[in-house]
């Protein structure tokens, strides 16, 4: 596998992980007991911390990429394993 492919695939895993961990630990102003700004949505986060998001996404994407890379070399799950037509054909 090329280095450029490794970076590209890891980047995809990182973006996916960032969206997965985005809602964890975030509370609204009402839940935190903070005063809201005039016109603010009720669901707006009151304690969003981008550093935590980056750290969590980096750790999760590293684990996901490690499994992907191990599967790439060991061939645990192949394209033939994902061919669902063999299961649904009559």
C-alpha atoms as a PDB file:
ATOM      1  CA  UNK A   1       0.000   0.000   0.000  1.00  0.00           C
ATOM      2  CA  UNK A   2       1.368   3.405  -0.941  1.00  0.00           C
ATOM      3  CA  UNK A   3       2.022   6.097   1.645  1.00  0.00           C
ATOM      4  CA  UNK A   4      -0.367   8.462  -0.107  1.00  0.00           C
ATOM      5  CA  UNK A   5      -3.096   5.815   0.110  1.00  0.00           C
ATOM      6  CA  UNK A   6      -2.387   5.376   3.816  1.00  0.00           C
ATOM      7  CA  UNK A   7      -2.788   9.110   4.452  1.00  0.00           C
ATOM      8  CA  UNK A   8      -5.936   9.333   2.333  1.00  0.00           C
ATOM      9  CA  UNK A   9      -7.624   6.356   3.993  1.00  0.00           C
ATOM     10  CA  UNK A  10      -6.589   7.535   7.471  1.00  0.00           C
ATOM     11  CA  UNK A  11      -8.033  10.963   6.638  1.00  0.00           C
ATOM     12  CA  UNK A  12     -11.343   9.363   5.687  1.00  0.00           C
ATOM     13  CA  UNK A  13     -11.352   7.391   8.923  1.00  0.00           C
ATOM     14  CA  UNK A  14     -10.552  10.585  10.869  1.00  0.00           C
ATOM     15  CA  UNK A  15     -13.483  12.506   9.379  1.00  0.00           C
ATOM     16  CA  UNK A  16     -15.817   9.584  10.031  1.00  0.00           C
ATOM     17  CA  UNK A  17     -14.543   9.293  13.620  1.00  0.00           C
ATOM     18  CA  UNK A  18     -14.951  13.049  14.161  1.00  0.00           C
ATOM     19  CA  UNK A  19     -18.619  12.840  13.201  1.00  0.00           C
ATOM     20  CA  UNK A  20     -19.073   9.778  15.411  1.00  0.00           C
ATOM     21  CA  UNK A  21     -17.598  11.387  18.552  1.00  0.00           C
ATOM     22  CA  UNK A  22     -19.034  14.875  17.943  1.00  0.00           C
ATOM     23  CA  UNK A  23     -22.140  14.569  20.148  1.00  0.00           C
ATOM     24  CA  UNK A  24     -20.463  12.817  23.108  1.00  0.00           C
ATOM     25  CA  UNK A  25     -20.000  14.966  26.204  1.00  0.00           C
ATOM     26  CA  UNK A  26     -21.662  18.060  24.750  1.00  0.00           C
ATOM     27  CA  UNK A  27     -24.385  19.664  26.885  1.00  0.00           C
ATOM     28  CA  UNK A  28     -26.802  22.502  26.186  1.00  0.00           C
ATOM     29  CA  UNK A  29     -26.869  25.747  28.138  1.00  0.00           C
ATOM     30  CA  UNK A  30     -30.014  24.590  29.945  1.00  0.00           C
ATOM     31  CA  UNK A  31     -28.328  21.359  31.062  1.00  0.00           C
ATOM     32  CA  UNK A  32     -25.307  23.313  32.320  1.00  0.00           C
ATOM     33  CA  UNK A  33     -27.382  26.009  33.993  1.00  0.00           C
ATOM     34  CA  UNK A  34     -25.818  28.759  31.871  1.00  0.00           C
ATOM     35  CA  UNK A  35     -27.626  31.801  30.552  1.00  0.00           C
ATOM     36  CA  UNK A  36     -28.451  31.750  26.842  1.00  0.00           C
ATOM     37  CA  UNK A  37     -27.738  34.561  24.379  1.00  0.00           C
ATOM     38  CA  UNK A  38     -30.772  36.272  22.853  1.00  0.00           C
ATOM     39  CA  UNK A  39     -31.842  34.357  19.734  1.00  0.00           C
ATOM     40  CA  UNK A  40     -29.747  31.293  20.573  1.00  0.00           C
ATOM     41  CA  UNK A  41     -31.186  27.903  19.669  1.00  0.00           C
ATOM     42  CA  UNK A  42     -32.211  25.724  22.601  1.00  0.00           C
ATOM     43  CA  UNK A  43     -30.041  22.901  21.265  1.00  0.00           C
ATOM     44  CA  UNK A  44     -26.849  24.975  20.906  1.00  0.00           C
ATOM     45  CA  UNK A  45     -23.895  23.437  22.761  1.00  0.00           C
ATOM     46  CA  UNK A  46     -22.700  25.194  25.886  1.00  0.00           C
ATOM     47  CA  UNK A  47     -19.431  23.330  26.452  1.00  0.00           C
ATOM     48  CA  UNK A  48     -18.081  22.417  23.007  1.00  0.00           C
ATOM     49  CA  UNK A  49     -14.318  21.792  23.178  1.00  0.00           C
ATOM     50  CA  UNK A  50     -12.609  21.270  19.789  1.00  0.00           C
ATOM     51  CA  UNK A  51      -9.435  19.928  21.447  1.00  0.00           C
ATOM     52  CA  UNK A  52     -11.374  17.024  22.977  1.00  0.00           C
ATOM     53  CA  UNK A  53     -12.999  16.342  19.627  1.00  0.00           C
ATOM     54  CA  UNK A  54      -9.627  16.196  17.853  1.00  0.00           C
ATOM     55  CA  UNK A  55      -8.086  13.931  20.493  1.00  0.00           C
ATOM     56  CA  UNK A  56     -11.042  11.541  20.551  1.00  0.00           C
ATOM     57  CA  UNK A  57     -11.315  11.446  16.756  1.00  0.00           C
ATOM     58  CA  UNK A  58      -7.581  10.833  16.392  1.00  0.00           C
ATOM     59  CA  UNK A  59      -7.613   7.938  18.840  1.00  0.00           C
ATOM     60  CA  UNK A  60     -10.717   6.341  17.340  1.00  0.00           C
ATOM     61  CA  UNK A  61      -9.480   6.742  13.768  1.00  0.00           C
ATOM     62  CA  UNK A  62      -6.106   5.213  14.710  1.00  0.00           C
ATOM     63  CA  UNK A  63      -7.887   2.130  16.066  1.00  0.00           C
ATOM     64  CA  UNK A  64     -10.156   1.882  13.020  1.00  0.00           C
ATOM     65  CA  UNK A  65      -7.218   2.297  10.644  1.00  0.00           C
ATOM     66  CA  UNK A  66      -5.207  -0.325  12.541  1.00  0.00           C
ATOM     67  CA  UNK A  67      -8.012  -2.847  11.985  1.00  0.00           C
ATOM     68  CA  UNK A  68      -8.273  -1.834   8.325  1.00  0.00           C
ATOM     69  CA  UNK A  69      -4.515  -2.159   7.798  1.00  0.00           C
ATOM     70  CA  UNK A  70      -4.384  -5.541   9.564  1.00  0.00           C
ATOM     71  CA  UNK A  71      -7.272  -6.769   7.417  1.00  0.00           C
ATOM     72  CA  UNK A  72      -5.533  -5.461   4.291  1.00  0.00           C
ATOM     73  CA  UNK A  73      -2.498  -7.657   4.903  1.00  0.00           C
ATOM     74  CA  UNK A  74      -4.156 -10.667   6.542  1.00  0.00           C
ATOM     75  CA  UNK A  75      -7.209 -10.838   4.269  1.00  0.00           C
ATOM     76  CA  UNK A  76      -9.717 -11.600   7.019  1.00  0.00           C
ATOM     77  CA  UNK A  77     -12.583 -10.026   5.059  1.00  0.00           C
ATOM     78  CA  UNK A  78     -12.268  -9.956   1.274  1.00  0.00           C
ATOM     79  CA  UNK A  79     -14.430  -8.621  -1.545  1.00  0.00           C
ATOM     80  CA  UNK A  80     -15.725 -12.143  -2.123  1.00  0.00           C
ATOM     81  CA  UNK A  81     -16.964 -12.236   1.496  1.00  0.00           C
ATOM     82  CA  UNK A  82     -19.011  -9.103   0.821  1.00  0.00           C
ATOM     83  CA  UNK A  83     -20.729 -10.531  -2.274  1.00  0.00           C
ATOM     84  CA  UNK A  84     -24.298 -10.787  -1.019  1.00  0.00           C
ATOM     85  CA  UNK A  85     -25.692 -12.067  -4.330  1.00  0.00           C
ATOM     86  CA  UNK A  86     -24.610 -15.604  -3.397  1.00  0.00           C
ATOM     87  CA  UNK A  87     -26.843 -15.461  -0.315  1.00  0.00           C
ATOM     88  CA  UNK A  88     -29.920 -14.104  -2.078  1.00  0.00           C
ATOM     89  CA  UNK A  89     -29.819 -15.949  -5.402  1.00  0.00           C
ATOM     90  CA  UNK A  90     -32.323 -18.706  -5.980  1.00  0.00           C
END
